[in-house]
């Protein structure tokens, strides 16, 4: 009987020592403070500035043409003025479509890089969890997937440091 009780106590002690290792990270902070994301944003900020300058330049050039047309239209017959107006209108539409297409392409390129970055971070966290013996690493964000977590279980800074160290290499 003593052996059975001793066996149960030892088994209970063994089982209690094998608790799950659980932590959480602030997903938003990890992504927003990851240096690679900051670099991607800087790259696209530059591209957007170049695009905006191009759009402004084209718009100013078109406005100049429109003003020249207004001055010229007064001296032209109504039929010729209408034809030139239609040509100018088509040019404006083509310019608008071109700029919209370039803006959409820039947006898609940016989203593709951000999506790739998020996959990379998720994979890193998964590997980090395996390598460091975690059973679970939960993600905290504005949506409230972790409503409360003991601050000692927050490994956001560890993950962020490891990600940035790996990126620097």
C-alpha atoms as a PDB file:
ATOM      1  CA  UNK A   1       0.000   0.000   0.000  1.00  0.00           C
ATOM      2  CA  UNK A   2       2.824   2.368   0.883  1.00  0.00           C
ATOM      3  CA  UNK A   3       4.429   1.613  -2.474  1.00  0.00           C
ATOM      4  CA  UNK A   4       1.228   2.472  -4.343  1.00  0.00           C
ATOM      5  CA  UNK A   5       0.834   5.768  -2.468  1.00  0.00           C
ATOM      6  CA  UNK A   6       4.523   6.567  -3.034  1.00  0.00           C
ATOM      7  CA  UNK A   7       4.121   5.735  -6.734  1.00  0.00           C
ATOM      8  CA  UNK A   8       1.086   8.014  -7.047  1.00  0.00           C
ATOM      9  CA  UNK A   9       2.883  10.861  -5.250  1.00  0.00           C
ATOM     10  CA  UNK A  10       5.937  10.464  -7.497  1.00  0.00           C
ATOM     11  CA  UNK A  11       3.757  10.325 -10.627  1.00  0.00           C
ATOM     12  CA  UNK A  12       1.850  13.431  -9.537  1.00  0.00           C
ATOM     13  CA  UNK A  13       5.152  15.218  -8.863  1.00  0.00           C
ATOM     14  CA  UNK A  14       6.502  14.185 -12.253  1.00  0.00           C
ATOM     15  CA  UNK A  15       3.346  15.329 -14.051  1.00  0.00           C
ATOM     16  CA  UNK A  16       3.285  18.672 -12.224  1.00  0.00           C
ATOM     17  CA  UNK A  17       6.890  19.316 -13.289  1.00  0.00           C
ATOM     18  CA  UNK A  18       5.912  18.927 -16.943  1.00  0.00           C
ATOM     19  CA  UNK A  19       3.821  22.094 -17.225  1.00  0.00           C
ATOM     20  CA  UNK A  20       3.340  23.764 -20.542  1.00  0.00           C
ATOM     21  CA  UNK A  21       5.645  26.693 -21.245  1.00  0.00           C
ATOM     22  CA  UNK A  22       3.392  29.528 -22.418  1.00  0.00           C
ATOM     23  CA  UNK A  23       4.224  33.108 -23.419  1.00  0.00           C
ATOM     24  CA  UNK A  24       2.725  35.883 -25.472  1.00  0.00           C
ATOM     25  CA  UNK A  25       3.915  38.654 -27.735  1.00  0.00           C
ATOM     26  CA  UNK A  26       2.435  41.951 -28.838  1.00  0.00           C
ATOM     27  CA  UNK A  27       2.008  41.245 -32.568  1.00  0.00           C
ATOM     28  CA  UNK A  28       1.597  44.889 -33.510  1.00  0.00           C
ATOM     29  CA  UNK A  29       4.718  45.979 -31.660  1.00  0.00           C
ATOM     30  CA  UNK A  30       6.811  43.173 -33.141  1.00  0.00           C
ATOM     31  CA  UNK A  31       5.790  44.031 -36.698  1.00  0.00           C
ATOM     32  CA  UNK A  32       5.931  47.823 -36.324  1.00  0.00           C
ATOM     33  CA  UNK A  33       9.278  47.908 -34.546  1.00  0.00           C
ATOM     34  CA  UNK A  34      10.964  45.289 -36.745  1.00  0.00           C
ATOM     35  CA  UNK A  35      13.736  47.079 -38.641  1.00  0.00           C
ATOM     36  CA  UNK A  36      13.016  45.279 -41.911  1.00  0.00           C
ATOM     37  CA  UNK A  37       9.452  46.672 -41.883  1.00  0.00           C
ATOM     38  CA  UNK A  38      10.797  50.154 -41.204  1.00  0.00           C
ATOM     39  CA  UNK A  39      13.151  49.750 -44.171  1.00  0.00           C
ATOM     40  CA  UNK A  40      10.306  48.574 -46.417  1.00  0.00           C
ATOM     41  CA  UNK A  41       8.200  51.560 -45.362  1.00  0.00           C
ATOM     42  CA  UNK A  42      11.088  53.947 -46.046  1.00  0.00           C
ATOM     43  CA  UNK A  43      11.630  52.423 -49.490  1.00  0.00           C
ATOM     44  CA  UNK A  44       7.965  52.806 -50.388  1.00  0.00           C
ATOM     45  CA  UNK A  45       7.783  56.293 -48.902  1.00  0.00           C
ATOM     46  CA  UNK A  46      10.497  57.285 -51.368  1.00  0.00           C
ATOM     47  CA  UNK A  47       8.665  55.583 -54.238  1.00  0.00           C
ATOM     48  CA  UNK A  48       5.427  57.331 -53.263  1.00  0.00           C
ATOM     49  CA  UNK A  49       7.173  60.696 -53.149  1.00  0.00           C
ATOM     50  CA  UNK A  50       8.563  60.097 -56.657  1.00  0.00           C
ATOM     51  CA  UNK A  51       5.107  59.070 -57.858  1.00  0.00           C
ATOM     52  CA  UNK A  52       3.494  62.151 -56.289  1.00  0.00           C
ATOM     53  CA  UNK A  53       6.041  64.447 -57.946  1.00  0.00           C
ATOM     54  CA  UNK A  54       5.379  62.784 -61.298  1.00  0.00           C
ATOM     55  CA  UNK A  55       1.607  63.117 -60.837  1.00  0.00           C
ATOM     56  CA  UNK A  56       1.949  66.781 -59.848  1.00  0.00           C
ATOM     57  CA  UNK A  57       4.200  67.468 -62.831  1.00  0.00           C
ATOM     58  CA  UNK A  58       1.776  65.802 -65.256  1.00  0.00           C
ATOM     59  CA  UNK A  59      -1.138  67.654 -63.684  1.00  0.00           C
ATOM     60  CA  UNK A  60       0.582  71.028 -64.016  1.00  0.00           C
ATOM     61  CA  UNK A  61       1.493  70.289 -67.645  1.00  0.00           C
ATOM     62  CA  UNK A  62      -2.103  69.310 -68.377  1.00  0.00           C
ATOM     63  CA  UNK A  63      -3.444  72.434 -66.675  1.00  0.00           C
ATOM     64  CA  UNK A  64      -1.144  74.491 -68.895  1.00  0.00           C
ATOM     65  CA  UNK A  65      -2.539  72.752 -71.975  1.00  0.00           C
ATOM     66  CA  UNK A  66      -6.097  73.297 -70.746  1.00  0.00           C
ATOM     67  CA  UNK A  67      -5.469  77.003 -70.199  1.00  0.00           C
ATOM     68  CA  UNK A  68      -3.879  77.313 -73.640  1.00  0.00           C
ATOM     69  CA  UNK A  69      -6.912  75.567 -75.117  1.00  0.00           C
ATOM     70  CA  UNK A  70      -9.296  77.963 -73.349  1.00  0.00           C
ATOM     71  CA  UNK A  71      -7.477  80.933 -74.841  1.00  0.00           C
ATOM     72  CA  UNK A  72      -7.373  79.354 -78.292  1.00  0.00           C
ATOM     73  CA  UNK A  73     -10.965  78.095 -78.200  1.00  0.00           C
ATOM     74  CA  UNK A  74     -12.345  81.607 -78.339  1.00  0.00           C
ATOM     75  CA  UNK A  75     -10.800  82.093 -81.792  1.00  0.00           C
ATOM     76  CA  UNK A  76     -11.821  78.687 -83.206  1.00  0.00           C
ATOM     77  CA  UNK A  77     -15.062  77.560 -84.739  1.00  0.00           C
ATOM     78  CA  UNK A  78     -17.312  75.603 -82.426  1.00  0.00           C
ATOM     79  CA  UNK A  79     -16.710  72.366 -84.328  1.00  0.00           C
ATOM     80  CA  UNK A  80     -12.895  72.656 -84.248  1.00  0.00           C
ATOM     81  CA  UNK A  81     -13.005  73.753 -80.597  1.00  0.00           C
ATOM     82  CA  UNK A  82     -15.160  70.710 -79.723  1.00  0.00           C
ATOM     83  CA  UNK A  83     -12.741  68.362 -81.518  1.00  0.00           C
ATOM     84  CA  UNK A  84      -9.746  69.834 -79.684  1.00  0.00           C
ATOM     85  CA  UNK A  85     -11.682  69.687 -76.419  1.00  0.00           C
ATOM     86  CA  UNK A  86     -12.425  65.987 -77.012  1.00  0.00           C
ATOM     87  CA  UNK A  87      -8.729  65.312 -77.702  1.00  0.00           C
ATOM     88  CA  UNK A  88      -7.798  67.139 -74.501  1.00  0.00           C
ATOM     89  CA  UNK A  89     -10.427  65.199 -72.547  1.00  0.00           C
ATOM     90  CA  UNK A  90      -9.120  61.873 -73.887  1.00  0.00           C
ATOM     91  CA  UNK A  91      -5.601  62.889 -72.937  1.00  0.00           C
ATOM     92  CA  UNK A  92      -6.760  63.686 -69.390  1.00  0.00           C
ATOM     93  CA  UNK A  93      -8.542  60.341 -69.099  1.00  0.00           C
ATOM     94  CA  UNK A  94      -5.490  58.454 -70.390  1.00  0.00           C
ATOM     95  CA  UNK A  95      -3.252  60.304 -67.935  1.00  0.00           C
ATOM     96  CA  UNK A  96      -5.649  59.531 -65.073  1.00  0.00           C
ATOM     97  CA  UNK A  97      -5.787  55.855 -65.989  1.00  0.00           C
ATOM     98  CA  UNK A  98      -1.991  55.666 -66.250  1.00  0.00           C
ATOM     99  CA  UNK A  99      -1.507  57.285 -62.852  1.00  0.00           C
ATOM    100  CA  UNK A 100      -4.176  55.057 -61.291  1.00  0.00           C
ATOM    101  CA  UNK A 101      -2.504  51.964 -62.737  1.00  0.00           C
ATOM    102  CA  UNK A 102       0.921  53.028 -61.414  1.00  0.00           C
ATOM    103  CA  UNK A 103      -0.546  53.807 -57.981  1.00  0.00           C
ATOM    104  CA  UNK A 104      -2.279  50.428 -57.868  1.00  0.00           C
ATOM    105  CA  UNK A 105       0.928  48.675 -58.910  1.00  0.00           C
ATOM    106  CA  UNK A 106       2.851  50.470 -56.166  1.00  0.00           C
ATOM    107  CA  UNK A 107       0.207  49.513 -53.619  1.00  0.00           C
ATOM    108  CA  UNK A 108       0.254  45.858 -54.694  1.00  0.00           C
ATOM    109  CA  UNK A 109       4.043  45.748 -54.559  1.00  0.00           C
ATOM    110  CA  UNK A 110       4.014  47.222 -51.064  1.00  0.00           C
ATOM    111  CA  UNK A 111       1.339  44.797 -49.854  1.00  0.00           C
ATOM    112  CA  UNK A 112       3.232  41.846 -51.318  1.00  0.00           C
ATOM    113  CA  UNK A 113       6.381  42.804 -49.397  1.00  0.00           C
ATOM    114  CA  UNK A 114       4.464  43.348 -46.146  1.00  0.00           C
ATOM    115  CA  UNK A 115       2.664  39.994 -46.535  1.00  0.00           C
ATOM    116  CA  UNK A 116       6.002  38.288 -47.133  1.00  0.00           C
ATOM    117  CA  UNK A 117       7.436  39.999 -44.061  1.00  0.00           C
ATOM    118  CA  UNK A 118       4.520  38.838 -41.891  1.00  0.00           C
ATOM    119  CA  UNK A 119       4.998  35.242 -43.064  1.00  0.00           C
ATOM    120  CA  UNK A 120       8.691  35.526 -42.267  1.00  0.00           C
ATOM    121  CA  UNK A 121       7.978  36.848 -38.753  1.00  0.00           C
ATOM    122  CA  UNK A 122       5.413  34.100 -38.071  1.00  0.00           C
ATOM    123  CA  UNK A 123       7.877  31.456 -39.207  1.00  0.00           C
ATOM    124  CA  UNK A 124      10.582  32.997 -37.022  1.00  0.00           C
ATOM    125  CA  UNK A 125       8.298  32.988 -33.971  1.00  0.00           C
ATOM    126  CA  UNK A 126       7.338  29.371 -34.620  1.00  0.00           C
ATOM    127  CA  UNK A 127      11.003  28.344 -34.831  1.00  0.00           C
ATOM    128  CA  UNK A 128      11.836  30.468 -31.779  1.00  0.00           C
ATOM    129  CA  UNK A 129       9.106  28.720 -29.818  1.00  0.00           C
ATOM    130  CA  UNK A 130      10.343  25.262 -30.809  1.00  0.00           C
ATOM    131  CA  UNK A 131      13.988  26.106 -30.112  1.00  0.00           C
ATOM    132  CA  UNK A 132      13.190  27.585 -26.696  1.00  0.00           C
ATOM    133  CA  UNK A 133      10.788  24.902 -25.477  1.00  0.00           C
ATOM    134  CA  UNK A 134       7.530  26.825 -25.640  1.00  0.00           C
ATOM    135  CA  UNK A 135       4.306  24.874 -25.899  1.00  0.00           C
ATOM    136  CA  UNK A 136       2.405  28.002 -26.887  1.00  0.00           C
ATOM    137  CA  UNK A 137       3.258  31.548 -27.924  1.00  0.00           C
ATOM    138  CA  UNK A 138       0.091  33.591 -28.047  1.00  0.00           C
ATOM    139  CA  UNK A 139      -0.351  36.811 -29.983  1.00  0.00           C
ATOM    140  CA  UNK A 140      -1.743  39.926 -28.315  1.00  0.00           C
ATOM    141  CA  UNK A 141      -3.205  42.662 -30.488  1.00  0.00           C
ATOM    142  CA  UNK A 142      -5.984  45.239 -30.652  1.00  0.00           C
ATOM    143  CA  UNK A 143      -8.507  42.517 -31.507  1.00  0.00           C
ATOM    144  CA  UNK A 144      -8.021  41.094 -28.023  1.00  0.00           C
ATOM    145  CA  UNK A 145      -6.714  37.578 -28.573  1.00  0.00           C
ATOM    146  CA  UNK A 146      -4.886  37.934 -25.214  1.00  0.00           C
ATOM    147  CA  UNK A 147      -6.964  40.051 -22.881  1.00  0.00           C
ATOM    148  CA  UNK A 148      -4.568  39.668 -19.981  1.00  0.00           C
ATOM    149  CA  UNK A 149      -1.134  38.215 -19.593  1.00  0.00           C
ATOM    150  CA  UNK A 150       1.322  38.299 -16.746  1.00  0.00           C
ATOM    151  CA  UNK A 151       4.106  40.646 -17.842  1.00  0.00           C
ATOM    152  CA  UNK A 152       6.671  37.966 -17.010  1.00  0.00           C
ATOM    153  CA  UNK A 153       5.174  35.913 -19.850  1.00  0.00           C
ATOM    154  CA  UNK A 154       5.564  38.751 -22.406  1.00  0.00           C
ATOM    155  CA  UNK A 155       8.465  37.850 -24.712  1.00  0.00           C
ATOM    156  CA  UNK A 156       7.834  40.655 -27.213  1.00  0.00           C
ATOM    157  CA  UNK A 157      11.193  42.334 -26.596  1.00  0.00           C
ATOM    158  CA  UNK A 158      13.086  39.012 -26.843  1.00  0.00           C
ATOM    159  CA  UNK A 159      11.439  38.212 -30.171  1.00  0.00           C
ATOM    160  CA  UNK A 160      11.970  41.736 -31.479  1.00  0.00           C
ATOM    161  CA  UNK A 161      15.634  41.718 -30.470  1.00  0.00           C
ATOM    162  CA  UNK A 162      16.218  38.322 -32.074  1.00  0.00           C
ATOM    163  CA  UNK A 163      14.438  39.382 -35.281  1.00  0.00           C
ATOM    164  CA  UNK A 164      16.412  42.634 -35.555  1.00  0.00           C
ATOM    165  CA  UNK A 165      19.692  40.872 -34.774  1.00  0.00           C
ATOM    166  CA  UNK A 166      18.967  38.350 -37.529  1.00  0.00           C
ATOM    167  CA  UNK A 167      18.041  41.144 -39.955  1.00  0.00           C
ATOM    168  CA  UNK A 168      21.267  43.046 -39.285  1.00  0.00           C
ATOM    169  CA  UNK A 169      23.225  39.983 -40.331  1.00  0.00           C
END
